[in-house]
Amino acid sequence: MPKAYWIAHVTVKDPEAYTGYQRLAPAAFEKFGARFLARGGESDCCEGTRYERHVVIEFDSLEKARACYSSKEYQNAKANRDGACNAHVTLVEGL
């Protein structure tokens, strides 16, 4: 079964409000065996919309990535970032 990747592009608009997401999201990622491959750090936007942060998270399968995103733990964390950021999240199956 191929691995899967959660790719997120985020620009934080309200750092104080965003801390609620940062406090709660790790529980979801831990529960579903997520492994962070990239989080923040230096980046170059070569095409498209520029975001401040880029995150790549590896999962054992697309099903686990979907389950993580849909989980009550993650949805609670996500609700805590509403209005605090602009985010684009994609789940993709690996090769």
PDB file of N, CA and C in Angstrom:
ATOM      1  N   MET A   1       0.841  -1.174   0.000  1.00  0.00           N
ATOM      2  CA  MET A   1       0.000   0.000   0.000  1.00  0.00           C
ATOM      3  C   MET A   1       0.891   1.243   0.000  1.00  0.00           C
ATOM      4  N   PRO A   2       0.664   2.186  -0.919  1.00  0.00           N
ATOM      5  CA  PRO A   2       1.519   3.377  -0.966  1.00  0.00           C
ATOM      6  C   PRO A   2       1.286   4.308   0.219  1.00  0.00           C
ATOM      7  N   LYS A   3       2.321   4.992   0.585  1.00  0.00           N
ATOM      8  CA  LYS A   3       2.208   6.014   1.623  1.00  0.00           C
ATOM      9  C   LYS A   3       1.381   7.161   1.069  1.00  0.00           C
ATOM     10  N   ALA A   4       1.025   8.091   1.946  1.00  0.00           N
ATOM     11  CA  ALA A   4       0.269   9.269   1.528  1.00  0.00           C
ATOM     12  C   ALA A   4       0.870  10.492   2.207  1.00  0.00           C
ATOM     13  N   TYR A   5       0.579  11.644   1.633  1.00  0.00           N
ATOM     14  CA  TYR A   5       1.156  12.890   2.121  1.00  0.00           C
ATOM     15  C   TYR A   5       0.075  13.946   2.287  1.00  0.00           C
ATOM     16  N   TRP A   6       0.188  14.654   3.389  1.00  0.00           N
ATOM     17  CA  TRP A   6      -0.679  15.788   3.711  1.00  0.00           C
ATOM     18  C   TRP A   6       0.196  16.987   3.416  1.00  0.00           C
ATOM     19  N   ILE A   7      -0.216  17.798   2.475  1.00  0.00           N
ATOM     20  CA  ILE A   7       0.566  18.962   2.084  1.00  0.00           C
ATOM     21  C   ILE A   7      -0.254  20.197   2.421  1.00  0.00           C
ATOM     22  N   ALA A   8       0.282  21.039   3.270  1.00  0.00           N
ATOM     23  CA  ALA A   8      -0.436  22.235   3.705  1.00  0.00           C
ATOM     24  C   ALA A   8       0.396  23.477   3.411  1.00  0.00           C
ATOM     25  N   HIS A   9      -0.285  24.492   2.953  1.00  0.00           N
ATOM     26  CA  HIS A   9       0.308  25.818   2.738  1.00  0.00           C
ATOM     27  C   HIS A   9      -0.500  26.767   3.611  1.00  0.00           C
ATOM     28  N   VAL A  10       0.182  27.532   4.456  1.00  0.00           N
ATOM     29  CA  VAL A  10      -0.510  28.337   5.461  1.00  0.00           C
ATOM     30  C   VAL A  10       0.127  29.723   5.571  1.00  0.00           C
ATOM     31  N   THR A  11      -0.728  30.741   5.673  1.00  0.00           N
ATOM     32  CA  THR A  11      -0.294  32.075   6.047  1.00  0.00           C
ATOM     33  C   THR A  11      -1.082  32.456   7.291  1.00  0.00           C
ATOM     34  N   VAL A  12      -0.383  32.655   8.390  1.00  0.00           N
ATOM     35  CA  VAL A  12      -1.010  33.005   9.661  1.00  0.00           C
ATOM     36  C   VAL A  12      -1.311  34.498   9.668  1.00  0.00           C
ATOM     37  N   LYS A  13      -2.570  34.840   9.936  1.00  0.00           N
ATOM     38  CA  LYS A  13      -2.992  36.241  10.005  1.00  0.00           C
ATOM     39  C   LYS A  13      -3.078  36.733  11.446  1.00  0.00           C
ATOM     40  N   ASP A  14      -3.372  35.831  12.376  1.00  0.00           N
ATOM     41  CA  ASP A  14      -3.523  36.173  13.790  1.00  0.00           C
ATOM     42  C   ASP A  14      -2.766  35.135  14.618  1.00  0.00           C
ATOM     43  N   PRO A  15      -1.478  35.405  14.897  1.00  0.00           N
ATOM     44  CA  PRO A  15      -0.655  34.413  15.611  1.00  0.00           C
ATOM     45  C   PRO A  15      -1.222  33.995  16.962  1.00  0.00           C
ATOM     46  N   GLU A  16      -1.825  34.912  17.687  1.00  0.00           N
ATOM     47  CA  GLU A  16      -2.371  34.570  19.002  1.00  0.00           C
ATOM     48  C   GLU A  16      -3.527  33.581  18.863  1.00  0.00           C
ATOM     49  N   ALA A  17      -4.424  33.827  17.940  1.00  0.00           N
ATOM     50  CA  ALA A  17      -5.549  32.915  17.723  1.00  0.00           C
ATOM     51  C   ALA A  17      -5.077  31.562  17.181  1.00  0.00           C
ATOM     52  N   TYR A  18      -4.009  31.564  16.412  1.00  0.00           N
ATOM     53  CA  TYR A  18      -3.489  30.332  15.800  1.00  0.00           C
ATOM     54  C   TYR A  18      -2.904  29.372  16.845  1.00  0.00           C
ATOM     55  N   THR A  19      -2.552  29.880  18.013  1.00  0.00           N
ATOM     56  CA  THR A  19      -1.966  29.015  19.046  1.00  0.00           C
ATOM     57  C   THR A  19      -2.932  27.924  19.497  1.00  0.00           C
ATOM     58  N   GLY A  20      -4.242  28.173  19.405  1.00  0.00           N
ATOM     59  CA  GLY A  20      -5.216  27.137  19.759  1.00  0.00           C
ATOM     60  C   GLY A  20      -5.073  25.931  18.850  1.00  0.00           C
ATOM     61  N   TYR A  21      -4.883  26.166  17.569  1.00  0.00           N
ATOM     62  CA  TYR A  21      -4.661  25.082  16.606  1.00  0.00           C
ATOM     63  C   TYR A  21      -3.350  24.361  16.920  1.00  0.00           C
ATOM     64  N   GLN A  22      -2.307  25.124  17.154  1.00  0.00           N
ATOM     65  CA  GLN A  22      -0.993  24.537  17.426  1.00  0.00           C
ATOM     66  C   GLN A  22      -0.994  23.680  18.692  1.00  0.00           C
ATOM     67  N   ARG A  23      -1.817  24.038  19.641  1.00  0.00           N
ATOM     68  CA  ARG A  23      -1.901  23.288  20.888  1.00  0.00           C
ATOM     69  C   ARG A  23      -2.665  21.980  20.699  1.00  0.00           C
ATOM     70  N   LEU A  24      -3.696  21.975  19.846  1.00  0.00           N
ATOM     71  CA  LEU A  24      -4.585  20.825  19.725  1.00  0.00           C
ATOM     72  C   LEU A  24      -4.234  19.853  18.598  1.00  0.00           C
ATOM     73  N   ALA A  25      -3.703  20.333  17.501  1.00  0.00           N
ATOM     74  CA  ALA A  25      -3.463  19.491  16.322  1.00  0.00           C
ATOM     75  C   ALA A  25      -2.504  18.323  16.568  1.00  0.00           C
ATOM     76  N   PRO A  26      -1.454  18.475  17.368  1.00  0.00           N
ATOM     77  CA  PRO A  26      -0.525  17.353  17.549  1.00  0.00           C
ATOM     78  C   PRO A  26      -1.186  16.055  18.020  1.00  0.00           C
ATOM     79  N   ALA A  27      -2.253  16.129  18.780  1.00  0.00           N
ATOM     80  CA  ALA A  27      -2.923  14.905  19.253  1.00  0.00           C
ATOM     81  C   ALA A  27      -3.462  14.093  18.078  1.00  0.00           C
ATOM     82  N   ALA A  28      -4.016  14.769  17.082  1.00  0.00           N
ATOM     83  CA  ALA A  28      -4.535  14.067  15.901  1.00  0.00           C
ATOM     84  C   ALA A  28      -3.396  13.436  15.113  1.00  0.00           C
ATOM     85  N   PHE A  29      -2.338  14.191  14.898  1.00  0.00           N
ATOM     86  CA  PHE A  29      -1.214  13.668  14.117  1.00  0.00           C
ATOM     87  C   PHE A  29      -0.574  12.463  14.810  1.00  0.00           C
ATOM     88  N   GLU A  30      -0.435  12.542  16.108  1.00  0.00           N
ATOM     89  CA  GLU A  30       0.154  11.418  16.855  1.00  0.00           C
ATOM     90  C   GLU A  30      -0.746  10.188  16.775  1.00  0.00           C
ATOM     91  N   LYS A  31      -2.046  10.376  16.928  1.00  0.00           N
ATOM     92  CA  LYS A  31      -3.004   9.269  16.918  1.00  0.00           C
ATOM     93  C   LYS A  31      -2.950   8.477  15.606  1.00  0.00           C
ATOM     94  N   PHE A  32      -2.662   9.150  14.483  1.00  0.00           N
ATOM     95  CA  PHE A  32      -2.685   8.494  13.180  1.00  0.00           C
ATOM     96  C   PHE A  32      -1.289   8.231  12.614  1.00  0.00           C
ATOM     97  N   GLY A  33      -0.263   8.323  13.467  1.00  0.00           N
ATOM     98  CA  GLY A  33       1.089   7.944  13.069  1.00  0.00           C
ATOM     99  C   GLY A  33       1.740   8.877  12.063  1.00  0.00           C
ATOM    100  N   ALA A  34       1.391  10.146  12.097  1.00  0.00           N
ATOM    101  CA  ALA A  34       1.953  11.120  11.150  1.00  0.00           C
ATOM    102  C   ALA A  34       3.438  11.358  11.410  1.00  0.00           C
ATOM    103  N   ARG A  35       4.180  11.555  10.328  1.00  0.00           N
ATOM    104  CA  ARG A  35       5.605  11.886  10.411  1.00  0.00           C
ATOM    105  C   ARG A  35       5.838  13.173   9.624  1.00  0.00           C
ATOM    106  N   PHE A  36       6.286  14.210  10.317  1.00  0.00           N
ATOM    107  CA  PHE A  36       6.535  15.491   9.659  1.00  0.00           C
ATOM    108  C   PHE A  36       7.826  15.423   8.862  1.00  0.00           C
ATOM    109  N   LEU A  37       7.740  15.743   7.574  1.00  0.00           N
ATOM    110  CA  LEU A  37       8.908  15.769   6.691  1.00  0.00           C
ATOM    111  C   LEU A  37       9.382  17.188   6.453  1.00  0.00           C
ATOM    112  N   ALA A  38       8.464  18.142   6.488  1.00  0.00           N
ATOM    113  CA  ALA A  38       8.807  19.571   6.357  1.00  0.00           C
ATOM    114  C   ALA A  38       7.783  20.360   7.146  1.00  0.00           C
ATOM    115  N   ARG A  39       8.262  21.379   7.848  1.00  0.00           N
ATOM    116  CA  ARG A  39       7.354  22.232   8.623  1.00  0.00           C
ATOM    117  C   ARG A  39       8.020  23.591   8.769  1.00  0.00           C
ATOM    118  N   GLY A  40       7.476  24.570   8.039  1.00  0.00           N
ATOM    119  CA  GLY A  40       8.077  25.897   8.078  1.00  0.00           C
ATOM    120  C   GLY A  40       9.402  25.883   7.340  1.00  0.00           C
ATOM    121  N   GLY A  41      10.341  26.627   7.820  1.00  0.00           N
ATOM    122  CA  GLY A  41      11.659  26.670   7.202  1.00  0.00           C
ATOM    123  C   GLY A  41      11.682  27.549   5.960  1.00  0.00           C
ATOM    124  N   GLU A  42      12.852  27.727   5.437  1.00  0.00           N
ATOM    125  CA  GLU A  42      13.044  28.568   4.255  1.00  0.00           C
ATOM    126  C   GLU A  42      12.375  27.919   3.043  1.00  0.00           C
ATOM    127  N   SER A  43      11.757  28.741   2.211  1.00  0.00           N
ATOM    128  CA  SER A  43      11.104  28.222   1.012  1.00  0.00           C
ATOM    129  C   SER A  43      11.105  29.284  -0.085  1.00  0.00           C
ATOM    130  N   ASP A  44      10.934  28.842  -1.306  1.00  0.00           N
ATOM    131  CA  ASP A  44      10.804  29.721  -2.461  1.00  0.00           C
ATOM    132  C   ASP A  44       9.483  29.410  -3.152  1.00  0.00           C
ATOM    133  N   CYS A  45       8.684  30.429  -3.391  1.00  0.00           N
ATOM    134  CA  CYS A  45       7.442  30.261  -4.144  1.00  0.00           C
ATOM    135  C   CYS A  45       7.768  30.580  -5.593  1.00  0.00           C
ATOM    136  N   CYS A  46       7.795  29.569  -6.426  1.00  0.00           N
ATOM    137  CA  CYS A  46       8.161  29.743  -7.831  1.00  0.00           C
ATOM    138  C   CYS A  46       6.947  30.016  -8.710  1.00  0.00           C
ATOM    139  N   GLU A  47       5.781  29.541  -8.316  1.00  0.00           N
ATOM    140  CA  GLU A  47       4.546  29.764  -9.065  1.00  0.00           C
ATOM    141  C   GLU A  47       3.365  29.759  -8.101  1.00  0.00           C
ATOM    142  N   GLY A  48       2.313  30.476  -8.439  1.00  0.00           N
ATOM    143  CA  GLY A  48       1.069  30.433  -7.670  1.00  0.00           C
ATOM    144  C   GLY A  48       1.068  31.342  -6.461  1.00  0.00           C
ATOM    145  N   THR A  49       0.099  31.107  -5.606  1.00  0.00           N
ATOM    146  CA  THR A  49      -0.109  31.920  -4.405  1.00  0.00           C
ATOM    147  C   THR A  49       1.012  31.692  -3.410  1.00  0.00           C
ATOM    148  N   ARG A  50       1.518  32.773  -2.859  1.00  0.00           N
ATOM    149  CA  ARG A  50       2.594  32.680  -1.873  1.00  0.00           C
ATOM    150  C   ARG A  50       1.995  32.517  -0.480  1.00  0.00           C
ATOM    151  N   TYR A  51       2.453  31.478   0.222  1.00  0.00           N
ATOM    152  CA  TYR A  51       2.087  31.246   1.615  1.00  0.00           C
ATOM    153  C   TYR A  51       3.357  31.325   2.455  1.00  0.00           C
ATOM    154  N   GLU A  52       3.204  31.651   3.741  1.00  0.00           N
ATOM    155  CA  GLU A  52       4.360  31.777   4.639  1.00  0.00           C
ATOM    156  C   GLU A  52       4.955  30.432   5.038  1.00  0.00           C
ATOM    157  N   ARG A  53       4.081  29.464   5.287  1.00  0.00           N
ATOM    158  CA  ARG A  53       4.518  28.175   5.833  1.00  0.00           C
ATOM    159  C   ARG A  53       4.091  27.043   4.919  1.00  0.00           C
ATOM    160  N   HIS A  54       4.917  26.023   4.850  1.00  0.00           N
ATOM    161  CA  HIS A  54       4.627  24.832   4.057  1.00  0.00           C
ATOM    162  C   HIS A  54       4.914  23.622   4.927  1.00  0.00           C
ATOM    163  N   VAL A  55       3.971  22.680   4.917  1.00  0.00           N
ATOM    164  CA  VAL A  55       4.084  21.504   5.776  1.00  0.00           C
ATOM    165  C   VAL A  55       3.847  20.264   4.931  1.00  0.00           C
ATOM    166  N   VAL A  56       4.714  19.265   5.091  1.00  0.00           N
ATOM    167  CA  VAL A  56       4.536  17.970   4.432  1.00  0.00           C
ATOM    168  C   VAL A  56       4.566  16.912   5.531  1.00  0.00           C
ATOM    169  N   ILE A  57       3.481  16.130   5.594  1.00  0.00           N
ATOM    170  CA  ILE A  57       3.340  15.107   6.623  1.00  0.00           C
ATOM    171  C   ILE A  57       3.113  13.766   5.936  1.00  0.00           C
ATOM    172  N   GLU A  58       3.872  12.766   6.334  1.00  0.00           N
ATOM    173  CA  GLU A  58       3.747  11.431   5.746  1.00  0.00           C
ATOM    174  C   GLU A  58       2.852  10.553   6.617  1.00  0.00           C
ATOM    175  N   PHE A  59       1.984   9.774   5.950  1.00  0.00           N
ATOM    176  CA  PHE A  59       1.131   8.782   6.598  1.00  0.00           C
ATOM    177  C   PHE A  59       1.376   7.430   5.938  1.00  0.00           C
ATOM    178  N   ASP A  60       1.045   6.367   6.621  1.00  0.00           N
ATOM    179  CA  ASP A  60       1.229   5.029   6.065  1.00  0.00           C
ATOM    180  C   ASP A  60       0.301   4.741   4.892  1.00  0.00           C
ATOM    181  N   SER A  61      -0.815   5.470   4.799  1.00  0.00           N
ATOM    182  CA  SER A  61      -1.766   5.254   3.709  1.00  0.00           C
ATOM    183  C   SER A  61      -2.659   6.476   3.553  1.00  0.00           C
ATOM    184  N   LEU A  62      -3.320   6.568   2.414  1.00  0.00           N
ATOM    185  CA  LEU A  62      -4.269   7.648   2.182  1.00  0.00           C
ATOM    186  C   LEU A  62      -5.446   7.528   3.156  1.00  0.00           C
ATOM    187  N   GLU A  63      -5.820   6.310   3.470  1.00  0.00           N
ATOM    188  CA  GLU A  63      -6.913   6.102   4.422  1.00  0.00           C
ATOM    189  C   GLU A  63      -6.577   6.704   5.787  1.00  0.00           C
ATOM    190  N   LYS A  64      -5.330   6.532   6.237  1.00  0.00           N
ATOM    191  CA  LYS A  64      -4.931   7.110   7.533  1.00  0.00           C
ATOM    192  C   LYS A  64      -4.899   8.627   7.461  1.00  0.00           C
ATOM    193  N   ALA A  65      -4.429   9.177   6.352  1.00  0.00           N
ATOM    194  CA  ALA A  65      -4.405  10.638   6.199  1.00  0.00           C
ATOM    195  C   ALA A  65      -5.828  11.195   6.225  1.00  0.00           C
ATOM    196  N   ARG A  66      -6.731  10.519   5.510  1.00  0.00           N
ATOM    197  CA  ARG A  66      -8.139  10.950   5.503  1.00  0.00           C
ATOM    198  C   ARG A  66      -8.757  10.834   6.893  1.00  0.00           C
ATOM    199  N   ALA A  67      -8.462   9.731   7.576  1.00  0.00           N
ATOM    200  CA  ALA A  67      -9.008   9.529   8.920  1.00  0.00           C
ATOM    201  C   ALA A  67      -8.501  10.598   9.877  1.00  0.00           C
ATOM    202  N   CYS A  68      -7.250  10.972   9.748  1.00  0.00           N
ATOM    203  CA  CYS A  68      -6.686  12.021  10.588  1.00  0.00           C
ATOM    204  C   CYS A  68      -7.406  13.336  10.339  1.00  0.00           C
ATOM    205  N   TYR A  69      -7.538  13.707   9.070  1.00  0.00           N
ATOM    206  CA  TYR A  69      -8.190  14.979   8.739  1.00  0.00           C
ATOM    207  C   TYR A  69      -9.635  14.997   9.236  1.00  0.00           C
ATOM    208  N   SER A  70     -10.326  13.881   9.122  1.00  0.00           N
ATOM    209  CA  SER A  70     -11.740  13.800   9.506  1.00  0.00           C
ATOM    210  C   SER A  70     -11.958  13.592  11.005  1.00  0.00           C
ATOM    211  N   SER A  71     -10.899  13.275  11.720  1.00  0.00           N
ATOM    212  CA  SER A  71     -11.040  12.929  13.140  1.00  0.00           C
ATOM    213  C   SER A  71     -11.574  14.102  13.965  1.00  0.00           C
ATOM    214  N   LYS A  72     -12.233  13.754  15.063  1.00  0.00           N
ATOM    215  CA  LYS A  72     -12.741  14.798  15.964  1.00  0.00           C
ATOM    216  C   LYS A  72     -11.585  15.627  16.518  1.00  0.00           C
ATOM    217  N   GLU A  73     -10.425  14.980  16.739  1.00  0.00           N
ATOM    218  CA  GLU A  73      -9.274  15.714  17.274  1.00  0.00           C
ATOM    219  C   GLU A  73      -8.819  16.799  16.293  1.00  0.00           C
ATOM    220  N   TYR A  74      -8.694  16.415  15.013  1.00  0.00           N
ATOM    221  CA  TYR A  74      -8.221  17.406  14.046  1.00  0.00           C
ATOM    222  C   TYR A  74      -9.287  18.462  13.762  1.00  0.00           C
ATOM    223  N   GLN A  75     -10.538  18.049  13.632  1.00  0.00           N
ATOM    224  CA  GLN A  75     -11.597  19.015  13.349  1.00  0.00           C
ATOM    225  C   GLN A  75     -11.748  20.020  14.492  1.00  0.00           C
ATOM    226  N   ASN A  76     -11.511  19.585  15.723  1.00  0.00           N
ATOM    227  CA  ASN A  76     -11.520  20.510  16.858  1.00  0.00           C
ATOM    228  C   ASN A  76     -10.361  21.500  16.742  1.00  0.00           C
ATOM    229  N   ALA A  77      -9.189  20.997  16.392  1.00  0.00           N
ATOM    230  CA  ALA A  77      -8.028  21.888  16.207  1.00  0.00           C
ATOM    231  C   ALA A  77      -8.301  22.876  15.075  1.00  0.00           C
ATOM    232  N   LYS A  78      -8.829  22.382  13.974  1.00  0.00           N
ATOM    233  CA  LYS A  78      -9.127  23.218  12.811  1.00  0.00           C
ATOM    234  C   LYS A  78     -10.104  24.331  13.172  1.00  0.00           C
ATOM    235  N   ALA A  79     -11.113  23.996  13.967  1.00  0.00           N
ATOM    236  CA  ALA A  79     -12.086  25.004  14.394  1.00  0.00           C
ATOM    237  C   ALA A  79     -11.413  26.112  15.195  1.00  0.00           C
ATOM    238  N   ASN A  80     -10.327  25.775  15.871  1.00  0.00           N
ATOM    239  CA  ASN A  80      -9.603  26.764  16.673  1.00  0.00           C
ATOM    240  C   ASN A  80      -8.694  27.665  15.849  1.00  0.00           C
ATOM    241  N   ARG A  81      -8.588  27.404  14.549  1.00  0.00           N
ATOM    242  CA  ARG A  81      -7.775  28.280  13.714  1.00  0.00           C
ATOM    243  C   ARG A  81      -8.638  29.133  12.782  1.00  0.00           C
ATOM    244  N   ASP A  82      -9.962  28.929  12.828  1.00  0.00           N
ATOM    245  CA  ASP A  82     -10.865  29.686  11.957  1.00  0.00           C
ATOM    246  C   ASP A  82     -10.609  31.182  12.090  1.00  0.00           C
ATOM    247  N   GLY A  83     -10.367  31.823  10.964  1.00  0.00           N
ATOM    248  CA  GLY A  83     -10.099  33.250  10.939  1.00  0.00           C
ATOM    249  C   GLY A  83      -8.676  33.634  11.289  1.00  0.00           C
ATOM    250  N   ALA A  84      -7.891  32.686  11.799  1.00  0.00           N
ATOM    251  CA  ALA A  84      -6.522  32.990  12.217  1.00  0.00           C
ATOM    252  C   ALA A  84      -5.518  32.820  11.087  1.00  0.00           C
ATOM    253  N   CYS A  85      -5.940  32.138   9.991  1.00  0.00           N
ATOM    254  CA  CYS A  85      -4.994  31.881   8.911  1.00  0.00           C
ATOM    255  C   CYS A  85      -5.725  31.634   7.595  1.00  0.00           C
ATOM    256  N   ASN A  86      -4.966  31.685   6.530  1.00  0.00           N
ATOM    257  CA  ASN A  86      -5.403  31.183   5.237  1.00  0.00           C
ATOM    258  C   ASN A  86      -4.658  29.869   5.049  1.00  0.00           C
ATOM    259  N   ALA A  87      -5.387  28.819   4.710  1.00  0.00           N
ATOM    260  CA  ALA A  87      -4.746  27.509   4.575  1.00  0.00           C
ATOM    261  C   ALA A  87      -5.269  26.782   3.354  1.00  0.00           C
ATOM    262  N   HIS A  88      -4.383  26.020   2.753  1.00  0.00           N
ATOM    263  CA  HIS A  88      -4.710  25.140   1.624  1.00  0.00           C
ATOM    264  C   HIS A  88      -4.128  23.784   2.007  1.00  0.00           C
ATOM    265  N   VAL A  89      -5.001  22.771   2.125  1.00  0.00           N
ATOM    266  CA  VAL A  89      -4.561  21.443   2.547  1.00  0.00           C
ATOM    267  C   VAL A  89      -4.941  20.429   1.475  1.00  0.00           C
ATOM    268  N   THR A  90      -3.980  19.604   1.075  1.00  0.00           N
ATOM    269  CA  THR A  90      -4.211  18.554   0.094  1.00  0.00           C
ATOM    270  C   THR A  90      -3.687  17.240   0.642  1.00  0.00           C
ATOM    271  N   LEU A  91      -4.461  16.172   0.464  1.00  0.00           N
ATOM    272  CA  LEU A  91      -4.015  14.822   0.800  1.00  0.00           C
ATOM    273  C   LEU A  91      -3.748  14.123  -0.519  1.00  0.00           C
ATOM    274  N   VAL A  92      -2.568  13.515  -0.642  1.00  0.00           N
ATOM    275  CA  VAL A  92      -2.204  12.880  -1.929  1.00  0.00           C
ATOM    276  C   VAL A  92      -1.541  11.540  -1.681  1.00  0.00           C
ATOM    277  N   GLU A  93      -1.911  10.561  -2.494  1.00  0.00           N
ATOM    278  CA  GLU A  93      -1.297   9.236  -2.414  1.00  0.00           C
ATOM    279  C   GLU A  93       0.083   9.274  -3.044  1.00  0.00           C
ATOM    280  N   GLY A  94       1.036   8.632  -2.395  1.00  0.00           N
ATOM    281  CA  GLY A  94       2.396   8.576  -2.925  1.00  0.00           C
ATOM    282  C   GLY A  94       2.546   7.521  -4.006  1.00  0.00           C
ATOM    283  N   LEU A  95       3.728   7.466  -4.579  1.00  0.00           N
ATOM    284  CA  LEU A  95       4.018   6.493  -5.628  1.00  0.00           C
ATOM    285  C   LEU A  95       4.391   5.150  -5.041  1.00  0.00           C
TER     286      LEU A  95
END
